[in-house]
Amino acid sequence: MDQLVVRAQFSKWRGYFVAAPTVFNHDLSIDAAGQDALLDWYLAEGMHGIVIAGTSGEWSALTSKERVRLFELARLRVPRSLPLIAGCNALTALETGEYARQAALLGFDGIMVSPPPYVVPTEEEVFAFYQMVADASDLPIIVYNWPRGTGIDMSPALVTRLGEIPKIVALKNSTANLGAFVETLRRCQDRLIIFGILPSDLGLGLMERLGGDGCIGAMGVLGRHQPGFFTHAWRGDSEQALRCGRKDQFLMSHLLEGFGGRYGNAIATFKYLLSMRGLPSGPVRPPLLNLSPGGQDAIQRIISSRGELFAP
């Protein structure tokens, strides 16, 4: 698809898309009321888009019925004016295609899909997988490069080739390889919407020099500051953009190591931060574990050391 057509058709696919968690009750059932309340908060905080049942949504711990239930809850809550993306990761293209079909029936705007985890497919197999998903989906696709979860890091050449599949319109690039990220951005900015720009000095510089469209971030725990980075950048207000970005970078640099949590797994870490803000999040599902009391104490000390972190 011609990039001018892509950017006209998907003009709202930019900025900070929040990867929403799945809110569980203490018995680990889905907390529908809590999920609704959290989505309402995201809307009030000005998120530019919402992803349901992605990595942060603990998709691998959900049954197929639960995932579709999450899709239903989100579609009832999120206005049609805001991009709503269905996380459709699965072990097979067939299952991914079924989730894509359900998302299309519910009126989602797109799907996000990583290569299947565990099997570590070759580049040719990754391409064939996405071609099968595209053939089965009526919705546009965000390719998710997630080396930590899949065991493969898509090369710039592979992403460039995937961009030739008409249904593929965007990339979430969560590689830790900065050189590969920049090379992919350079190659694909003219054919794909690129997510993966961090709210930081580096992210601002990349947008100014090479392009890039936004970030799909874990749980949006800072609220309006995370979409604010991009909103201020678009207005040309670099000072305010970086003010927002420095809050994000403080948090991530103190609580994460790479893409993993420093005091427990990253999903439990972000859920705990939401709970600190008085927002519904609930526990994580096994095999993940909730933060230990020591981990909670460490995070509380970090947040207390930066008292204005959550301030408007």
Protein backbone atom coordinates (compact mmCIF):
# COMPACT_ATOMS: atom_id res chain seq x y z
CA MET A 1 0.00 0.00 0.00
CA ASP A 2 1.35 3.43 -0.94
CA GLN A 3 2.62 5.28 2.14
CA LEU A 4 0.63 8.42 1.33
CA VAL A 5 -2.50 6.28 1.29
CA VAL A 6 -1.49 4.58 4.54
CA ARG A 7 -0.90 7.87 6.34
CA ALA A 8 -4.16 9.32 5.07
CA GLN A 9 -6.18 6.22 5.98
CA PHE A 10 -4.49 5.71 9.35
CA SER A 11 -3.83 9.33 10.30
CA LYS A 12 -4.77 8.64 13.94
CA TRP A 13 -2.28 5.81 14.27
CA ARG A 14 0.41 7.84 15.98
CA GLY A 15 1.46 8.96 19.43
CA TYR A 16 1.25 6.93 22.61
CA PHE A 17 -0.86 3.78 22.35
CA VAL A 18 -1.25 2.19 25.76
CA ALA A 19 -0.82 -1.59 26.02
CA ALA A 20 -3.56 -2.21 28.59
CA PRO A 21 -3.28 -4.87 31.28
CA THR A 22 -5.98 -7.40 31.97
CA VAL A 23 -7.49 -6.57 35.35
CA PHE A 24 -8.03 -9.70 37.44
CA ASN A 25 -9.94 -10.27 40.65
CA HIS A 26 -8.14 -11.89 43.58
CA ASP A 27 -9.51 -15.27 42.43
CA LEU A 28 -7.85 -14.56 39.03
CA SER A 29 -11.14 -14.18 37.15
CA ILE A 30 -11.47 -11.16 34.87
CA ASP A 31 -12.63 -8.06 36.75
CA ALA A 32 -14.97 -6.53 34.15
CA ALA A 33 -15.81 -3.48 36.29
CA GLY A 34 -12.14 -2.86 37.00
CA GLN A 35 -11.28 -3.23 33.32
CA ASP A 36 -13.95 -0.66 32.43
CA ALA A 37 -12.71 1.76 35.08
CA LEU A 38 -9.11 1.50 33.90
CA LEU A 39 -10.12 2.09 30.28
CA ASP A 40 -12.10 5.15 31.41
CA TRP A 41 -8.95 6.48 33.08
CA TYR A 42 -6.90 5.95 29.94
CA LEU A 43 -9.47 7.89 27.94
CA ALA A 44 -9.48 10.74 30.47
CA GLU A 45 -5.65 10.87 30.38
CA GLY A 46 -5.62 11.39 26.62
CA MET A 47 -4.09 8.16 25.32
CA HIS A 48 -3.84 8.21 21.54
CA GLY A 49 -4.82 4.55 21.13
CA ILE A 50 -5.40 1.38 23.13
CA VAL A 51 -4.10 -2.17 22.63
CA ILE A 52 -6.02 -5.02 24.26
CA ALA A 53 -4.65 -8.49 25.13
CA GLY A 54 -1.07 -7.81 24.17
CA THR A 55 1.99 -8.73 26.20
CA SER A 56 0.94 -6.43 29.04
CA GLY A 57 -2.53 -7.96 28.83
CA GLU A 58 -1.06 -11.40 29.67
CA TRP A 59 -2.48 -12.94 26.50
CA SER A 60 -0.68 -16.23 27.05
CA ALA A 61 -2.54 -16.73 30.35
CA LEU A 62 -5.99 -16.15 28.82
CA THR A 63 -8.41 -18.69 27.40
CA SER A 64 -9.77 -17.97 23.94
CA LYS A 65 -13.16 -17.07 25.44
CA GLU A 66 -11.54 -14.67 27.89
CA ARG A 67 -9.63 -12.92 25.14
CA VAL A 68 -12.78 -12.37 23.11
CA ARG A 69 -14.51 -11.17 26.29
CA LEU A 70 -11.78 -8.56 26.72
CA PHE A 71 -12.32 -7.47 23.13
CA GLU A 72 -16.05 -7.09 23.84
CA LEU A 73 -15.49 -5.07 27.01
CA ALA A 74 -13.07 -2.73 25.27
CA ARG A 75 -15.29 -2.16 22.24
CA LEU A 76 -18.18 -1.16 24.49
CA ARG A 77 -15.97 1.34 26.37
CA VAL A 78 -13.62 2.89 23.83
CA PRO A 79 -15.13 5.48 21.47
CA ARG A 80 -14.88 4.85 17.74
CA SER A 81 -12.80 8.00 17.37
CA LEU A 82 -9.84 6.36 19.15
CA PRO A 83 -7.78 3.59 17.51
CA LEU A 84 -8.50 0.25 19.20
CA ILE A 85 -6.11 -2.61 18.46
CA ALA A 86 -6.61 -6.29 19.25
CA GLY A 87 -3.65 -8.33 20.42
CA CYS A 88 -3.91 -11.54 18.38
CA ASN A 89 -0.71 -13.36 19.31
CA ALA A 90 -0.99 -17.16 19.21
CA LEU A 91 1.05 -20.26 18.47
CA THR A 92 -0.48 -20.74 15.01
CA ALA A 93 -1.60 -18.54 12.15
CA LEU A 94 -4.96 -20.34 12.26
CA GLU A 95 -5.64 -19.25 15.84
CA THR A 96 -4.38 -15.73 15.17
CA GLY A 97 -6.76 -15.56 12.21
CA GLU A 98 -9.70 -16.53 14.42
CA TYR A 99 -8.91 -13.77 16.91
CA ALA A 100 -8.59 -11.36 13.99
CA ARG A 101 -12.01 -12.44 12.75
CA GLN A 102 -13.57 -11.81 16.16
CA ALA A 103 -11.89 -8.41 16.39
CA ALA A 104 -13.22 -7.46 12.96
CA LEU A 105 -16.76 -8.51 13.90
CA LEU A 106 -16.55 -6.29 16.97
CA GLY A 107 -15.35 -3.28 15.00
CA PHE A 108 -11.70 -3.07 16.07
CA ASP A 109 -9.43 -0.89 13.96
CA GLY A 110 -6.52 -3.28 13.62
CA ILE A 111 -4.63 -6.22 15.08
CA MET A 112 -1.12 -6.56 16.51
CA VAL A 113 0.78 -9.82 16.00
CA SER A 114 4.25 -11.07 16.86
CA PRO A 115 5.83 -14.18 15.34
CA PRO A 116 4.78 -17.32 17.22
CA PRO A 117 6.78 -17.77 20.43
CA TYR A 118 8.83 -20.86 21.35
CA VAL A 119 9.38 -22.32 17.87
CA VAL A 120 11.94 -19.69 16.74
CA PRO A 121 10.98 -19.59 13.05
CA THR A 122 13.42 -18.66 10.30
CA GLU A 123 13.01 -15.38 8.40
CA GLU A 124 11.32 -17.22 5.54
CA GLU A 125 8.94 -18.87 8.01
CA VAL A 126 8.19 -15.52 9.68
CA PHE A 127 7.31 -14.04 6.30
CA ALA A 128 5.07 -17.00 5.46
CA PHE A 129 3.37 -16.72 8.86
CA TYR A 130 2.50 -13.06 8.32
CA GLN A 131 1.29 -13.78 4.80
CA MET A 132 -1.09 -16.38 6.21
CA VAL A 133 -2.30 -13.97 8.90
CA ALA A 134 -2.85 -11.26 6.28
CA ASP A 135 -4.81 -13.65 4.10
CA ALA A 136 -7.04 -14.53 7.07
CA SER A 137 -7.56 -11.00 8.42
CA ASP A 138 -9.92 -8.28 7.28
CA LEU A 139 -8.10 -5.80 9.52
CA PRO A 140 -4.80 -3.97 9.04
CA ILE A 141 -1.86 -5.46 10.89
CA ILE A 142 0.80 -4.10 13.24
CA VAL A 143 3.85 -6.36 13.12
CA TYR A 144 5.29 -6.75 16.61
CA ASN A 145 9.04 -7.37 16.79
CA TRP A 146 9.41 -8.74 20.33
CA PRO A 147 12.72 -10.59 20.65
CA ARG A 148 12.37 -11.07 24.40
CA GLY A 149 9.16 -13.05 23.95
CA THR A 150 9.74 -14.79 20.61
CA GLY A 151 13.45 -15.59 20.57
CA ILE A 152 14.00 -13.81 17.25
CA ASP A 153 14.89 -10.24 16.37
CA MET A 154 13.52 -9.32 12.95
CA SER A 155 16.20 -7.88 10.70
CA PRO A 156 15.67 -4.59 8.85
CA ALA A 157 15.63 -6.58 5.61
CA LEU A 158 12.83 -8.84 6.85
CA VAL A 159 10.73 -5.94 8.11
CA THR A 160 11.22 -4.19 4.78
CA ARG A 161 9.96 -7.28 2.99
CA LEU A 162 6.98 -7.62 5.35
CA GLY A 163 6.07 -4.04 4.52
CA GLU A 164 5.29 -5.19 0.99
CA ILE A 165 2.32 -7.25 2.25
CA PRO A 166 -0.66 -4.88 1.71
CA LYS A 167 -2.44 -5.65 5.01
CA ILE A 168 0.70 -4.81 7.03
CA VAL A 169 0.67 -1.09 7.72
CA ALA A 170 2.65 -0.64 10.95
CA LEU A 171 5.49 -1.96 13.09
CA LYS A 172 6.01 -2.05 16.84
CA ASN A 173 9.75 -2.47 17.11
CA SER A 174 10.83 -3.59 20.59
CA THR A 175 14.37 -4.56 19.71
CA ALA A 176 17.18 -3.72 22.11
CA ASN A 177 19.51 -3.32 19.11
CA LEU A 178 19.59 0.44 18.56
CA GLY A 179 21.50 0.14 15.30
CA ALA A 180 18.92 -2.25 13.87
CA PHE A 181 16.10 -0.04 15.13
CA VAL A 182 17.53 3.03 13.38
CA GLU A 183 18.23 1.08 10.18
CA THR A 184 14.68 -0.31 10.15
CA LEU A 185 13.30 3.18 10.73
CA ARG A 186 15.44 4.53 7.89
CA ARG A 187 14.36 1.77 5.49
CA CYS A 188 10.69 1.52 6.41
CA GLN A 189 9.56 5.00 7.41
CA ASP A 190 8.34 5.51 3.85
CA ARG A 191 6.20 2.37 3.86
CA LEU A 192 5.14 1.64 7.47
CA ILE A 193 3.85 3.49 10.51
CA ILE A 194 6.66 3.00 13.03
CA PHE A 195 6.00 2.55 16.74
CA GLY A 196 8.93 2.19 19.12
CA ILE A 197 10.00 5.82 19.53
CA LEU A 198 10.70 6.21 23.24
CA PRO A 199 9.64 9.40 25.06
CA SER A 200 13.21 10.66 25.47
CA ASP A 201 15.86 12.97 24.06
CA LEU A 202 16.86 10.19 21.67
CA GLY A 203 13.26 9.60 20.63
CA LEU A 204 12.74 13.28 19.92
CA GLY A 205 15.94 13.40 17.89
CA LEU A 206 14.92 10.37 15.84
CA MET A 207 11.52 11.87 15.06
CA GLU A 208 13.11 15.15 14.00
CA ARG A 209 15.78 13.55 11.80
CA LEU A 210 14.35 10.29 10.49
CA GLY A 211 10.66 10.17 11.37
CA GLY A 212 8.74 7.68 13.46
CA ASP A 213 5.18 7.83 14.63
CA GLY A 214 4.91 6.88 18.27
CA CYS A 215 5.20 4.28 20.98
CA ILE A 216 3.08 1.38 22.20
CA GLY A 217 3.85 1.56 25.90
CA ALA A 218 3.24 -0.74 28.83
CA MET A 219 0.16 0.22 30.84
CA GLY A 220 0.53 4.00 30.63
CA VAL A 221 1.27 4.28 34.33
CA LEU A 222 2.29 7.96 34.08
CA GLY A 223 -1.04 8.91 32.56
CA ARG A 224 -1.15 12.07 30.47
CA HIS A 225 2.64 12.58 30.56
CA GLN A 226 3.24 9.70 28.15
CA PRO A 227 0.91 10.83 25.35
CA GLY A 228 1.94 14.38 26.28
CA PHE A 229 5.47 13.76 25.02
CA PHE A 230 4.18 13.25 21.50
CA THR A 231 1.47 15.90 21.63
CA HIS A 232 4.01 18.56 22.66
CA ALA A 233 6.53 17.31 20.07
CA TRP A 234 3.95 17.63 17.29
CA ARG A 235 3.32 21.23 18.36
CA GLY A 236 7.03 22.00 18.22
CA ASP A 237 7.31 22.43 22.01
CA SER A 238 10.46 20.39 22.63
CA GLU A 239 10.89 21.68 26.18
CA GLN A 240 7.51 20.41 27.33
CA ALA A 241 7.92 17.18 25.35
CA LEU A 242 11.19 16.44 27.11
CA ARG A 243 9.69 17.35 30.49
CA CYS A 244 7.18 14.55 29.94
CA GLY A 245 9.80 12.24 28.47
CA ARG A 246 12.17 12.60 31.41
CA LYS A 247 9.48 11.32 33.76
CA ASP A 248 9.06 8.26 31.57
CA GLN A 249 12.80 7.67 31.32
CA PHE A 250 13.30 8.07 35.08
CA LEU A 251 10.68 5.43 35.70
CA MET A 252 11.92 2.99 33.08
CA SER A 253 15.60 3.35 33.94
CA HIS A 254 14.96 2.68 37.64
CA LEU A 255 12.42 -0.13 37.34
CA LEU A 256 13.47 -2.05 34.22
CA GLU A 257 16.55 -3.86 33.00
CA GLY A 258 16.24 -4.15 29.26
CA PHE A 259 12.60 -5.09 28.82
CA GLY A 260 12.38 -7.01 32.11
CA GLY A 261 11.59 -5.82 35.61
CA ARG A 262 14.35 -5.10 38.11
CA TYR A 263 12.32 -6.02 41.22
CA GLY A 264 10.08 -8.69 39.72
CA ASN A 265 8.55 -9.28 36.30
CA ALA A 266 7.67 -6.14 34.33
CA ILE A 267 3.92 -6.83 34.18
CA ALA A 268 3.65 -7.20 37.97
CA THR A 269 5.78 -4.06 38.33
CA PHE A 270 3.49 -1.92 36.18
CA LYS A 271 0.37 -3.39 37.77
CA TYR A 272 1.77 -2.45 41.18
CA LEU A 273 2.39 1.10 39.98
CA LEU A 274 -1.21 1.36 38.82
CA SER A 275 -2.37 0.15 42.23
CA MET A 276 -0.16 2.79 43.89
CA ARG A 277 -2.14 5.36 41.91
CA GLY A 278 -5.42 3.92 43.22
CA LEU A 279 -6.28 2.37 39.85
CA PRO A 280 -7.60 -1.15 39.25
CA SER A 281 -5.00 -3.65 38.12
CA GLY A 282 -5.23 -6.77 40.26
CA PRO A 283 -2.76 -9.63 40.48
CA VAL A 284 -0.87 -11.33 37.68
CA ARG A 285 -1.72 -14.85 36.60
CA PRO A 286 0.70 -17.77 36.95
CA PRO A 287 3.30 -18.57 35.89
CA LEU A 288 4.02 -14.91 36.69
CA LEU A 289 4.32 -13.95 40.35
CA ASN A 290 3.25 -10.76 42.07
CA LEU A 291 5.94 -8.53 43.52
CA SER A 292 7.43 -9.58 46.83
CA PRO A 293 7.08 -7.20 49.82
CA GLY A 294 10.74 -6.29 49.32
CA GLY A 295 10.13 -5.45 45.66
CA GLN A 296 7.13 -3.32 46.57
CA ASP A 297 9.17 -1.44 49.19
CA ALA A 298 11.96 -0.77 46.69
CA ILE A 299 9.51 0.65 44.15
CA GLN A 300 7.84 2.83 46.77
CA ARG A 301 11.22 4.30 47.70
CA ILE A 302 12.00 5.07 44.06
CA ILE A 303 8.65 6.77 43.49
CA SER A 304 9.00 8.73 46.74
CA SER A 305 12.41 10.00 45.64
CA ARG A 306 10.76 11.74 42.70
CA GLY A 307 7.73 13.23 44.40
CA GLU A 308 6.38 15.04 41.31
CA LEU A 309 6.43 11.95 39.11
CA PHE A 310 2.66 11.51 39.05
CA ALA A 311 1.86 15.23 39.43
CA PRO A 312 -0.03 16.96 36.58
